Amino acid sequence: MKIERILEYKKVWDYIISHNLLNQYKKVKLLILSWNLKSVDFRKRRPYKTEKYYFKINKKYRAFWYIEWTTLKIFEINDHQD
């Protein structure tokens, strides 16, 4: 798996802006593109057969994504503490 770029859905950008996560998200995005995956806690989401993953933006927020060729597509950001 090689990640060359990261794309976000419109609703993800709206969520990032509305929850004031832009600076934190940019830092995480750079870490992912530089292959520093351990620091963002890349994990596979259950059930494992769905091929969906997540990573941490900060202690409170997670971004859920899937990979399509070499593009990482983020489809949701969630507050896991709800």
C-alpha atoms as a PDB file:
ATOM      1  CA  MET A   1       0.000   0.000   0.000  1.00  0.00           C
ATOM      2  CA  LYS A   2       1.488   3.297  -1.123  1.00  0.00           C
ATOM      3  CA  ILE A   3      -0.271   6.544  -0.281  1.00  0.00           C
ATOM      4  CA  GLU A   4       0.477   9.346  -2.716  1.00  0.00           C
ATOM      5  CA  ARG A   5      -2.378  11.710  -1.892  1.00  0.00           C
ATOM      6  CA  ILE A   6      -5.231  12.209   0.525  1.00  0.00           C
ATOM      7  CA  LEU A   7      -8.720  13.284  -0.516  1.00  0.00           C
ATOM      8  CA  GLU A   8     -11.573  14.345   1.727  1.00  0.00           C
ATOM      9  CA  TYR A   9     -15.295  14.452   1.067  1.00  0.00           C
ATOM     10  CA  LYS A  10     -16.997  17.862   1.327  1.00  0.00           C
ATOM     11  CA  LYS A  11     -18.772  16.906   4.554  1.00  0.00           C
ATOM     12  CA  VAL A  12     -15.377  16.033   6.079  1.00  0.00           C
ATOM     13  CA  TRP A  13     -14.012  19.509   5.288  1.00  0.00           C
ATOM     14  CA  ASP A  14     -17.134  21.082   6.733  1.00  0.00           C
ATOM     15  CA  TYR A  15     -16.662  19.045   9.926  1.00  0.00           C
ATOM     16  CA  ILE A  16     -12.971  19.988  10.177  1.00  0.00           C
ATOM     17  CA  ILE A  17     -13.718  23.684   9.821  1.00  0.00           C
ATOM     18  CA  SER A  18     -16.731  23.686  12.146  1.00  0.00           C
ATOM     19  CA  HIS A  19     -14.847  21.875  14.937  1.00  0.00           C
ATOM     20  CA  ASN A  20     -11.663  23.950  14.558  1.00  0.00           C
ATOM     21  CA  LEU A  21      -9.460  20.975  13.620  1.00  0.00           C
ATOM     22  CA  LEU A  22      -7.714  22.433  10.583  1.00  0.00           C
ATOM     23  CA  ASN A  23      -4.211  22.877  12.045  1.00  0.00           C
ATOM     24  CA  GLN A  24      -4.236  19.492  13.765  1.00  0.00           C
ATOM     25  CA  TYR A  25      -5.549  17.815  10.622  1.00  0.00           C
ATOM     26  CA  LYS A  26      -2.818  19.379   8.455  1.00  0.00           C
ATOM     27  CA  LYS A  27      -0.129  18.048  10.817  1.00  0.00           C
ATOM     28  CA  VAL A  28      -1.619  14.548  10.726  1.00  0.00           C
ATOM     29  CA  LYS A  29      -1.891  14.674   6.943  1.00  0.00           C
ATOM     30  CA  LEU A  30       1.820  15.510   6.653  1.00  0.00           C
ATOM     31  CA  LEU A  31       2.700  12.660   9.015  1.00  0.00           C
ATOM     32  CA  ILE A  32       0.731  10.211   6.878  1.00  0.00           C
ATOM     33  CA  LEU A  33       2.304  11.367   3.623  1.00  0.00           C
ATOM     34  CA  SER A  34       5.764  11.067   5.189  1.00  0.00           C
ATOM     35  CA  TRP A  35       4.924   7.493   6.337  1.00  0.00           C
ATOM     36  CA  ASN A  36       5.066   8.237  10.052  1.00  0.00           C
ATOM     37  CA  LEU A  37       2.021   6.014  10.601  1.00  0.00           C
ATOM     38  CA  LYS A  38       2.727   4.904  14.144  1.00  0.00           C
ATOM     39  CA  SER A  39       2.302   8.403  15.538  1.00  0.00           C
ATOM     40  CA  VAL A  40      -1.221   8.716  14.066  1.00  0.00           C
ATOM     41  CA  ASP A  41      -2.294   5.245  15.210  1.00  0.00           C
ATOM     42  CA  PHE A  42      -3.359   3.685  11.898  1.00  0.00           C
ATOM     43  CA  ARG A  43      -5.744   0.820  12.579  1.00  0.00           C
ATOM     44  CA  LYS A  44      -8.229  -1.363  10.795  1.00  0.00           C
ATOM     45  CA  ARG A  45     -11.866  -0.828  11.729  1.00  0.00           C
ATOM     46  CA  ARG A  46     -14.047  -3.711  12.813  1.00  0.00           C
ATOM     47  CA  PRO A  47     -15.473  -5.777  11.172  1.00  0.00           C
ATOM     48  CA  TYR A  48     -12.133  -6.452   9.522  1.00  0.00           C
ATOM     49  CA  LYS A  49     -13.582  -7.717   6.234  1.00  0.00           C
ATOM     50  CA  THR A  50     -14.946  -4.243   5.347  1.00  0.00           C
ATOM     51  CA  GLU A  51     -11.441  -2.908   4.547  1.00  0.00           C
ATOM     52  CA  LYS A  52     -12.087   0.371   6.361  1.00  0.00           C
ATOM     53  CA  TYR A  53      -9.474   1.998   8.546  1.00  0.00           C
ATOM     54  CA  TYR A  54      -9.080   4.916  10.916  1.00  0.00           C
ATOM     55  CA  PHE A  55      -6.401   7.179  12.344  1.00  0.00           C
ATOM     56  CA  LYS A  56      -6.249   9.687  15.180  1.00  0.00           C
ATOM     57  CA  ILE A  57      -6.434  13.413  14.593  1.00  0.00           C
ATOM     58  CA  ASN A  58      -6.158  14.116  18.313  1.00  0.00           C
ATOM     59  CA  LYS A  59      -7.303  12.395  21.510  1.00  0.00           C
ATOM     60  CA  LYS A  60     -10.946  13.112  20.759  1.00  0.00           C
ATOM     61  CA  TYR A  61     -11.366  12.806  16.965  1.00  0.00           C
ATOM     62  CA  ARG A  62     -10.842   9.931  14.522  1.00  0.00           C
ATOM     63  CA  ALA A  63     -10.860   9.994  10.723  1.00  0.00           C
ATOM     64  CA  PHE A  64     -12.290   6.973   8.924  1.00  0.00           C
ATOM     65  CA  TRP A  65     -10.949   6.162   5.481  1.00  0.00           C
ATOM     66  CA  TYR A  66     -10.469   3.580   2.757  1.00  0.00           C
ATOM     67  CA  ILE A  67      -7.826   3.314   0.083  1.00  0.00           C
ATOM     68  CA  GLU A  68      -8.435   3.361  -3.642  1.00  0.00           C
ATOM     69  CA  TRP A  69      -5.290   2.665  -5.675  1.00  0.00           C
ATOM     70  CA  THR A  70      -2.784   5.134  -4.244  1.00  0.00           C
ATOM     71  CA  THR A  71      -5.331   7.603  -2.888  1.00  0.00           C
ATOM     72  CA  LEU A  72      -6.477   7.633   0.711  1.00  0.00           C
ATOM     73  CA  LYS A  73     -10.111   8.790   0.826  1.00  0.00           C
ATOM     74  CA  ILE A  74     -11.461  10.120   4.101  1.00  0.00           C
ATOM     75  CA  PHE A  75     -15.213   9.645   4.312  1.00  0.00           C
ATOM     76  CA  GLU A  76     -15.959  10.551   7.942  1.00  0.00           C
ATOM     77  CA  ILE A  77     -14.540  12.243  11.003  1.00  0.00           C
ATOM     78  CA  ASN A  78     -16.071  11.215  14.291  1.00  0.00           C
ATOM     79  CA  ASP A  79     -15.925  12.165  17.939  1.00  0.00           C
ATOM     80  CA  HIS A  80     -15.343   8.742  19.493  1.00  0.00           C
ATOM     81  CA  GLN A  81     -16.194   9.987  22.991  1.00  0.00           C
ATOM     82  CA  ASP A  82     -19.932  10.448  22.336  1.00  0.00           C
END
